[in-house]
């Protein structure tokens, strides 16, 4: 289901008090963007939060592994009574359950029923798809796999509406979890205002004269890190190109060893960077890489890093996937290449390296797209329309 974008149609921002509820990841971009945008519009945000699911410094050390998630689920059972009591004594019009709030939806439904307020669920991902299909942490035939499937399904079904980042993701949720009857809305990921162009303005080349290429991400299958490393290996004779790879995760050391990354003088490897320090890495880069995996999840999403890059007015190269249709245009505001094709990726990097004017043109057009459609304020305006629709249906 879609709504008219970028117009609140007379919705009064200031009439809403919204409870952002649960053990959501407080420093995850999806949550930060929505909270920032809503506050910018003057909406009163009440955070009823516990940090049980907030990762340690190195997010990838345990990201979505089964045992830590089970332990955190038990921890949630202990903290929920306090969260429920706090939420019941607060005054607000709507409950918003943030990423990743699949378990939070169960106590949120109790609160919603007792206070007669609607719930919007913002899952962003499917736990089942992430743990079983994408990362293969659990056997697809196991009892735990079935339990996780039902958690996905019921967490959505308990809400008044579900927001997801792309229509492709919505289609997947509806089909996979038999949720054709549910109200789903598309709300892109976007980026916070801290992601912005360099203060010094546009530049055709780096001060060093070299082209700086940035990749940021956890090394999970959808990222396609092996194809990035293959492309870097193909470009090893291009000494005027430098690569910065931030992140680690699933099979990272094995991949680095296979492609000789730690002994490649063109490559800087950084295990982890604080979220609030990321904008400076994007601003200092000339080309930013998206995702290049070949699994089904890659086809359905537009990753955070693509929005970070265009917000910082940087040229983006990412996989040509259905989720980009009607948003990203090859050769205009990004360079697109086939998923899982390291040769095409290497060619694309070399093309932008050799053509600084094209690189700048794509960066400017990408930033224009961001300002027109994906700022936190614009996304918050869309979210208010969804809230307004839910409250009308409730009453």
Protein backbone atom coordinates (compact mmCIF):
# COMPACT_ATOMS: atom_id res chain seq x y z
CA UNK A 1 0.00 0.00 0.00
CA UNK A 2 1.31 3.46 -0.78
CA UNK A 3 0.38 6.96 0.24
CA UNK A 4 0.93 10.30 -1.45
CA UNK A 5 4.53 11.25 -0.76
CA UNK A 6 5.91 14.55 0.55
CA UNK A 7 2.58 16.17 1.48
CA UNK A 8 0.97 15.91 4.89
CA UNK A 9 -2.39 17.04 3.50
CA UNK A 10 -3.24 19.20 6.47
CA UNK A 11 -2.07 16.75 9.15
CA UNK A 12 -1.15 18.73 12.28
CA UNK A 13 2.34 17.60 13.31
CA UNK A 14 2.02 19.08 16.77
CA UNK A 15 -1.10 17.19 17.77
CA UNK A 16 0.76 13.88 17.97
CA UNK A 17 2.62 12.48 20.92
CA UNK A 18 4.38 9.29 19.85
CA UNK A 19 5.80 6.61 22.13
CA UNK A 20 8.86 5.01 20.52
CA UNK A 21 8.72 1.71 22.36
CA UNK A 22 10.89 -1.30 23.08
CA UNK A 23 14.45 -2.63 23.17
CA UNK A 24 15.18 -1.26 19.69
CA UNK A 25 18.74 -0.47 18.62
CA UNK A 26 18.99 3.12 19.74
CA UNK A 27 21.97 3.95 17.52
CA UNK A 28 20.77 2.19 14.39
CA UNK A 29 20.22 4.48 11.42
CA UNK A 30 16.59 3.50 10.75
CA UNK A 31 15.53 4.52 14.26
CA UNK A 32 17.70 7.64 14.36
CA UNK A 33 16.38 8.92 11.02
CA UNK A 34 12.72 8.64 12.02
CA UNK A 35 13.21 10.12 15.49
CA UNK A 36 15.26 13.02 14.07
CA UNK A 37 12.69 13.72 11.36
CA UNK A 38 9.71 13.61 13.71
CA UNK A 39 11.40 15.94 16.20
CA UNK A 40 12.29 18.33 13.37
CA UNK A 41 8.59 18.51 12.52
CA UNK A 42 7.79 19.37 16.13
CA UNK A 43 6.33 16.00 17.07
CA UNK A 44 6.63 15.11 20.76
CA UNK A 45 8.61 11.84 20.95
CA UNK A 46 8.56 9.83 24.17
CA UNK A 47 11.15 7.07 24.20
CA UNK A 48 10.15 4.10 26.33
CA UNK A 49 13.36 2.18 25.77
CA UNK A 50 15.68 -0.44 27.22
CA UNK A 51 19.09 -1.14 25.72
CA UNK A 52 18.85 -4.96 25.89
CA UNK A 53 19.34 -5.31 22.12
CA UNK A 54 21.84 -2.48 21.65
CA UNK A 55 25.06 -4.04 20.33
CA UNK A 56 28.47 -3.79 21.92
CA UNK A 57 31.14 -1.63 20.30
CA UNK A 58 31.87 -4.14 17.55
CA UNK A 59 28.40 -4.82 16.22
CA UNK A 60 29.52 -7.67 14.00
CA UNK A 61 30.93 -9.69 16.88
CA UNK A 62 27.52 -11.16 17.58
CA UNK A 63 25.17 -9.70 14.98
CA UNK A 64 22.29 -12.11 14.46
CA UNK A 65 24.06 -15.18 15.80
CA UNK A 66 21.55 -17.50 17.41
CA UNK A 67 22.85 -17.95 20.97
CA UNK A 68 23.26 -14.23 21.76
CA UNK A 69 19.77 -13.56 20.40
CA UNK A 70 18.30 -16.29 22.63
CA UNK A 71 20.09 -14.86 25.67
CA UNK A 72 18.85 -11.39 24.83
CA UNK A 73 15.31 -12.72 24.39
CA UNK A 74 15.40 -14.03 27.97
CA UNK A 75 16.77 -10.69 29.13
CA UNK A 76 13.84 -8.99 27.46
CA UNK A 77 11.41 -11.09 29.48
CA UNK A 78 12.90 -9.57 32.63
CA UNK A 79 12.79 -5.96 31.49
CA UNK A 80 9.37 -5.96 29.81
CA UNK A 81 7.29 -5.62 33.01
CA UNK A 82 9.05 -2.31 33.77
CA UNK A 83 8.67 -1.09 30.19
CA UNK A 84 4.97 -1.97 30.17
CA UNK A 85 4.35 -0.13 33.44
CA UNK A 86 6.22 2.93 32.18
CA UNK A 87 4.30 2.92 28.92
CA UNK A 88 0.94 2.58 30.64
CA UNK A 89 1.59 5.69 32.76
CA UNK A 90 2.68 7.81 29.79
CA UNK A 91 0.35 9.95 27.72
CA UNK A 92 0.59 9.54 23.91
CA UNK A 93 -1.50 8.94 20.81
CA UNK A 94 0.51 6.25 19.01
CA UNK A 95 2.99 3.45 19.63
CA UNK A 96 5.89 3.08 17.24
CA UNK A 97 7.92 -0.12 17.62
CA UNK A 98 11.35 0.37 16.08
CA UNK A 99 14.03 -1.81 14.52
CA UNK A 100 14.55 -4.53 15.57
CA UNK A 101 11.40 -4.89 17.61
CA UNK A 102 9.91 -8.26 16.67
CA UNK A 103 9.69 -9.43 20.28
CA UNK A 104 8.70 -5.93 21.44
CA UNK A 105 5.48 -6.25 19.46
CA UNK A 106 3.99 -8.70 21.96
CA UNK A 107 4.06 -6.42 25.03
CA UNK A 108 3.30 -3.47 22.72
CA UNK A 109 0.04 -5.14 21.72
CA UNK A 110 -0.98 -5.43 25.37
CA UNK A 111 -0.24 -1.75 25.90
CA UNK A 112 -2.12 -0.83 22.72
CA UNK A 113 -5.18 -2.77 23.88
CA UNK A 114 -5.16 -1.26 27.38
CA UNK A 115 -4.66 2.32 26.16
CA UNK A 116 -6.64 2.05 22.92
CA UNK A 117 -3.86 3.45 20.73
CA UNK A 118 -2.65 2.10 17.39
CA UNK A 119 0.76 0.43 16.84
CA UNK A 120 3.04 0.94 13.86
CA UNK A 121 5.70 -1.75 13.45
CA UNK A 122 9.01 -0.91 11.78
CA UNK A 123 10.77 -4.30 11.39
CA UNK A 124 12.98 -3.48 8.36
CA UNK A 125 14.04 -7.14 8.12
CA UNK A 126 12.61 -10.62 8.57
CA UNK A 127 14.37 -12.55 11.33
CA UNK A 128 13.65 -15.82 9.55
CA UNK A 129 15.00 -14.60 6.23
CA UNK A 130 18.08 -13.12 7.90
CA UNK A 131 19.03 -16.04 10.15
CA UNK A 132 17.93 -19.00 8.05
CA UNK A 133 17.95 -17.98 4.36
CA UNK A 134 20.60 -15.26 4.24
CA UNK A 135 23.14 -16.23 6.89
CA UNK A 136 22.27 -19.92 7.26
CA UNK A 137 22.76 -19.82 11.03
CA UNK A 138 19.92 -22.30 11.63
CA UNK A 139 18.63 -25.31 9.72
CA UNK A 140 15.50 -24.45 7.74
CA UNK A 141 13.85 -27.68 8.97
CA UNK A 142 14.48 -27.10 12.68
CA UNK A 143 11.88 -26.29 15.33
CA UNK A 144 13.70 -23.04 16.07
CA UNK A 145 13.35 -22.05 12.42
CA UNK A 146 9.59 -22.55 12.62
CA UNK A 147 9.37 -20.56 15.86
CA UNK A 148 11.25 -17.66 14.27
CA UNK A 149 8.91 -17.81 11.26
CA UNK A 150 5.91 -17.42 13.58
CA UNK A 151 7.61 -14.56 15.44
CA UNK A 152 7.97 -12.75 12.12
CA UNK A 153 4.38 -13.41 11.18
CA UNK A 154 2.69 -12.56 14.47
CA UNK A 155 4.85 -9.49 15.17
CA UNK A 156 3.49 -8.01 11.94
CA UNK A 157 -0.05 -9.25 12.46
CA UNK A 158 -0.28 -7.65 15.92
CA UNK A 159 0.28 -4.17 14.48
CA UNK A 160 -2.19 -1.77 12.92
CA UNK A 161 0.29 -1.15 10.11
CA UNK A 162 3.77 -2.24 9.08
CA UNK A 163 6.34 0.02 7.43
CA UNK A 164 9.11 -1.45 5.26
CA UNK A 165 11.79 0.17 3.15
CA UNK A 166 10.82 -1.05 -0.33
CA UNK A 167 7.78 -2.41 -2.16
CA UNK A 168 9.83 -5.53 -2.96
CA UNK A 169 10.26 -6.14 0.76
CA UNK A 170 6.53 -5.68 1.31
CA UNK A 171 5.74 -8.20 -1.43
CA UNK A 172 8.11 -10.67 0.23
CA UNK A 173 6.55 -10.26 3.70
CA UNK A 174 3.02 -10.64 2.37
CA UNK A 175 3.80 -13.78 0.43
CA UNK A 176 6.23 -15.45 2.85
CA UNK A 177 4.16 -14.89 6.01
CA UNK A 178 0.61 -15.00 4.56
CA UNK A 179 0.00 -11.33 5.40
CA UNK A 180 -2.00 -10.27 2.34
CA UNK A 181 -4.68 -8.86 4.67
CA UNK A 182 -2.25 -6.58 6.51
CA UNK A 183 -1.73 -2.85 5.90
CA UNK A 184 1.84 -2.33 4.70
CA UNK A 185 3.40 1.01 3.74
CA UNK A 186 6.66 1.82 1.96
CA UNK A 187 8.99 4.13 3.86
CA UNK A 188 12.56 4.35 2.52
CA UNK A 189 15.54 4.26 4.87
CA UNK A 190 17.04 7.69 4.16
CA UNK A 191 19.82 9.24 6.24
CA UNK A 192 20.29 11.67 9.11
CA UNK A 193 21.36 15.26 8.66
CA UNK A 194 24.87 14.43 9.91
CA UNK A 195 25.43 12.88 6.49
CA UNK A 196 26.01 15.93 4.32
CA UNK A 197 28.44 17.16 1.65
CA UNK A 198 31.88 18.42 2.61
CA UNK A 199 31.98 21.96 3.93
CA UNK A 200 34.57 22.74 1.26
CA UNK A 201 32.00 21.94 -1.42
CA UNK A 202 32.39 19.93 -4.64
CA UNK A 203 35.73 18.68 -5.89
CA UNK A 204 36.60 16.86 -9.07
CA UNK A 205 39.65 15.11 -7.62
CA UNK A 206 40.95 14.25 -4.14
CA UNK A 207 43.60 16.56 -2.65
CA UNK A 208 46.06 13.64 -2.95
CA UNK A 209 45.26 13.21 -6.64
CA UNK A 210 44.17 9.62 -5.95
CA UNK A 211 40.66 8.22 -6.21
CA UNK A 212 39.40 7.02 -2.83
CA UNK A 213 36.87 4.17 -2.87
CA UNK A 214 34.89 3.35 0.30
CA UNK A 215 32.99 0.27 1.40
CA UNK A 216 31.24 0.11 4.77
CA UNK A 217 29.34 -2.95 5.95
CA UNK A 218 29.14 -6.23 7.79
CA UNK A 219 30.42 -9.11 5.71
CA UNK A 220 27.14 -10.96 5.47
CA UNK A 221 26.09 -12.64 2.19
CA UNK A 222 23.94 -9.82 0.83
CA UNK A 223 26.92 -7.43 0.91
CA UNK A 224 28.87 -9.51 -1.63
CA UNK A 225 32.23 -8.65 -0.06
CA UNK A 226 33.94 -11.42 -2.02
CA UNK A 227 33.03 -9.67 -5.29
CA UNK A 228 34.40 -6.39 -3.93
CA UNK A 229 37.66 -8.09 -2.98
CA UNK A 230 37.88 -9.72 -6.42
CA UNK A 231 37.38 -6.31 -8.05
CA UNK A 232 40.11 -4.83 -5.86
CA UNK A 233 42.43 -7.65 -6.89
CA UNK A 234 41.69 -6.92 -10.57
CA UNK A 235 42.61 -3.26 -10.03
CA UNK A 236 45.88 -3.89 -8.18
CA UNK A 237 47.91 -2.28 -10.99
CA UNK A 238 45.83 0.91 -10.74
CA UNK A 239 48.03 2.54 -8.11
CA UNK A 240 46.08 5.82 -8.25
CA UNK A 241 43.03 4.08 -6.73
CA UNK A 242 42.90 3.58 -2.95
CA UNK A 243 40.34 1.46 -1.09
CA UNK A 244 39.03 1.78 2.44
CA UNK A 245 37.05 -1.23 3.72
CA UNK A 246 35.26 -0.71 7.04
CA UNK A 247 33.66 -3.64 8.82
CA UNK A 248 34.05 -7.32 9.45
CA UNK A 249 31.84 -10.31 10.08
CA UNK A 250 30.86 -13.62 8.58
CA UNK A 251 34.00 -15.23 7.01
CA UNK A 252 35.84 -11.89 6.86
CA UNK A 253 39.27 -13.25 7.76
CA UNK A 254 38.93 -16.12 5.30
CA UNK A 255 37.95 -13.67 2.53
CA UNK A 256 40.76 -11.24 3.38
CA UNK A 257 43.29 -14.07 3.28
CA UNK A 258 41.98 -15.46 0.02
CA UNK A 259 42.31 -12.10 -1.73
CA UNK A 260 45.48 -10.97 0.04
CA UNK A 261 43.72 -7.89 1.43
CA UNK A 262 45.96 -7.40 4.47
CA UNK A 263 49.09 -7.30 2.30
CA UNK A 264 47.62 -5.05 -0.40
CA UNK A 265 49.12 -1.55 -0.15
CA UNK A 266 46.08 -0.06 -1.91
CA UNK A 267 43.70 -1.22 0.83
CA UNK A 268 43.06 0.17 4.31
CA UNK A 269 41.10 -2.25 6.51
CA UNK A 270 39.22 -0.91 9.53
CA UNK A 271 37.30 -3.28 11.78
CA UNK A 272 34.83 -0.82 13.20
CA UNK A 273 33.90 2.88 13.15
CA UNK A 274 31.43 4.59 15.45
CA UNK A 275 28.22 5.51 13.62
CA UNK A 276 28.66 9.22 14.35
CA UNK A 277 32.16 9.14 12.84
CA UNK A 278 30.99 7.57 9.57
CA UNK A 279 30.05 10.82 7.79
CA UNK A 280 33.70 11.94 7.69
CA UNK A 281 34.70 8.70 5.93
CA UNK A 282 32.01 9.21 3.30
CA UNK A 283 32.95 12.88 2.87
CA UNK A 284 36.62 12.04 2.29
CA UNK A 285 35.79 9.43 -0.37
CA UNK A 286 35.26 9.85 -4.10
CA UNK A 287 33.36 6.63 -4.84
CA UNK A 288 31.16 4.69 -2.42
CA UNK A 289 30.18 1.06 -2.90
CA UNK A 290 26.78 -0.44 -2.13
CA UNK A 291 25.95 -4.16 -2.07
CA UNK A 292 26.74 -6.82 -4.68
CA UNK A 293 25.49 -10.15 -3.28
CA UNK A 294 23.41 -12.60 -5.28
CA UNK A 295 20.96 -13.84 -2.66
CA UNK A 296 17.25 -12.93 -2.77
CA UNK A 297 17.52 -10.40 0.04
CA UNK A 298 19.95 -8.26 -1.97
CA UNK A 299 17.29 -7.88 -4.67
CA UNK A 300 14.72 -6.45 -2.24
CA UNK A 301 16.65 -3.77 -0.38
CA UNK A 302 18.37 -0.41 -0.78
CA UNK A 303 21.07 -0.38 1.90
CA UNK A 304 21.79 2.42 4.38
CA UNK A 305 25.18 3.06 2.81
CA UNK A 306 23.64 4.10 -0.52
CA UNK A 307 21.61 6.80 1.25
CA UNK A 308 24.64 7.84 3.32
CA UNK A 309 26.66 8.27 0.12
CA UNK A 310 24.13 10.32 -1.85
CA UNK A 311 23.44 12.42 1.27
CA UNK A 312 27.19 13.23 1.30
CA UNK A 313 27.10 13.93 -2.45
CA UNK A 314 29.33 11.03 -3.44
CA UNK A 315 29.21 8.85 -6.55
CA UNK A 316 27.70 5.44 -5.80
CA UNK A 317 28.26 2.07 -7.45
CA UNK A 318 25.84 -0.66 -6.42
CA UNK A 319 24.12 -3.74 -7.79
CA UNK A 320 21.31 -3.30 -10.30
CA UNK A 321 18.40 -4.83 -8.38
CA UNK A 322 14.58 -4.57 -8.62
CA UNK A 323 14.35 -2.47 -5.43
CA UNK A 324 16.09 0.41 -7.25
CA UNK A 325 13.57 0.55 -10.09
CA UNK A 326 12.07 4.01 -10.46
CA UNK A 327 14.49 5.48 -7.90
CA UNK A 328 18.09 5.05 -9.02
CA UNK A 329 18.91 5.62 -12.68
CA UNK A 330 22.09 4.11 -14.11
CA UNK A 331 24.49 6.73 -15.42
CA UNK A 332 22.47 9.60 -13.97
CA UNK A 333 22.56 9.38 -10.16
CA UNK A 334 24.54 6.14 -9.69
CA UNK A 335 26.44 3.47 -11.58
CA UNK A 336 24.72 0.09 -11.53
CA UNK A 337 26.31 -3.27 -12.28
CA UNK A 338 24.98 -6.85 -12.21
CA UNK A 339 24.92 -8.54 -8.79
CA UNK A 340 27.79 -10.95 -8.19
CA UNK A 341 29.85 -9.61 -11.09
CA UNK A 342 33.29 -8.53 -9.88
CA UNK A 343 34.50 -7.79 -13.43
CA UNK A 344 31.66 -5.32 -14.01
CA UNK A 345 32.32 -3.76 -10.59
CA UNK A 346 36.03 -3.31 -11.39
CA UNK A 347 35.13 -1.77 -14.76
CA UNK A 348 32.70 0.63 -13.06
CA UNK A 349 35.29 1.75 -10.51
CA UNK A 350 37.85 2.29 -13.26
CA UNK A 351 35.33 4.20 -15.37
CA UNK A 352 34.63 6.69 -12.57
CA UNK A 353 38.31 6.91 -11.70
CA UNK A 354 39.17 7.86 -15.28
CA UNK A 355 36.26 10.29 -15.66
CA UNK A 356 36.18 12.73 -12.70
CA UNK A 357 33.58 14.92 -14.41
CA UNK A 358 31.17 11.99 -14.74
CA UNK A 359 31.87 11.13 -11.11
CA UNK A 360 30.99 14.65 -10.04
CA UNK A 361 27.85 14.73 -12.21
CA UNK A 362 26.58 11.49 -10.68
CA UNK A 363 27.39 12.73 -7.18
CA UNK A 364 25.44 15.98 -7.73
CA UNK A 365 22.43 14.18 -9.24
CA UNK A 366 22.43 11.62 -6.43
CA UNK A 367 22.45 14.36 -3.80
CA UNK A 368 19.63 16.16 -5.59
CA UNK A 369 17.60 12.94 -5.43
CA UNK A 370 18.32 12.64 -1.71
CA UNK A 371 17.21 16.20 -0.96
CA UNK A 372 14.02 15.72 -2.98
CA UNK A 373 12.95 12.39 -1.50
CA UNK A 374 14.98 10.94 1.37
CA UNK A 375 15.75 13.49 4.09
CA UNK A 376 14.66 12.61 7.62
CA UNK A 377 12.07 15.39 7.59
CA UNK A 378 10.45 14.18 4.35
CA UNK A 379 10.31 10.59 5.62
CA UNK A 380 8.83 11.73 8.94
CA UNK A 381 6.12 13.62 7.02
CA UNK A 382 5.21 10.38 5.24
CA UNK A 383 5.18 8.55 8.54
CA UNK A 384 2.73 11.08 9.97
CA UNK A 385 0.35 10.38 7.11
CA UNK A 386 0.47 6.69 8.01
CA UNK A 387 -0.16 7.52 11.67
CA UNK A 388 -3.07 9.73 10.71
CA UNK A 389 -4.60 6.95 8.63
CA UNK A 390 -4.22 4.46 11.49
CA UNK A 391 -5.86 6.72 14.06
CA UNK A 392 -8.75 7.38 11.70
CA UNK A 393 -9.27 3.65 11.20
CA UNK A 394 -9.06 2.99 14.95
CA UNK A 395 -11.73 5.53 15.79
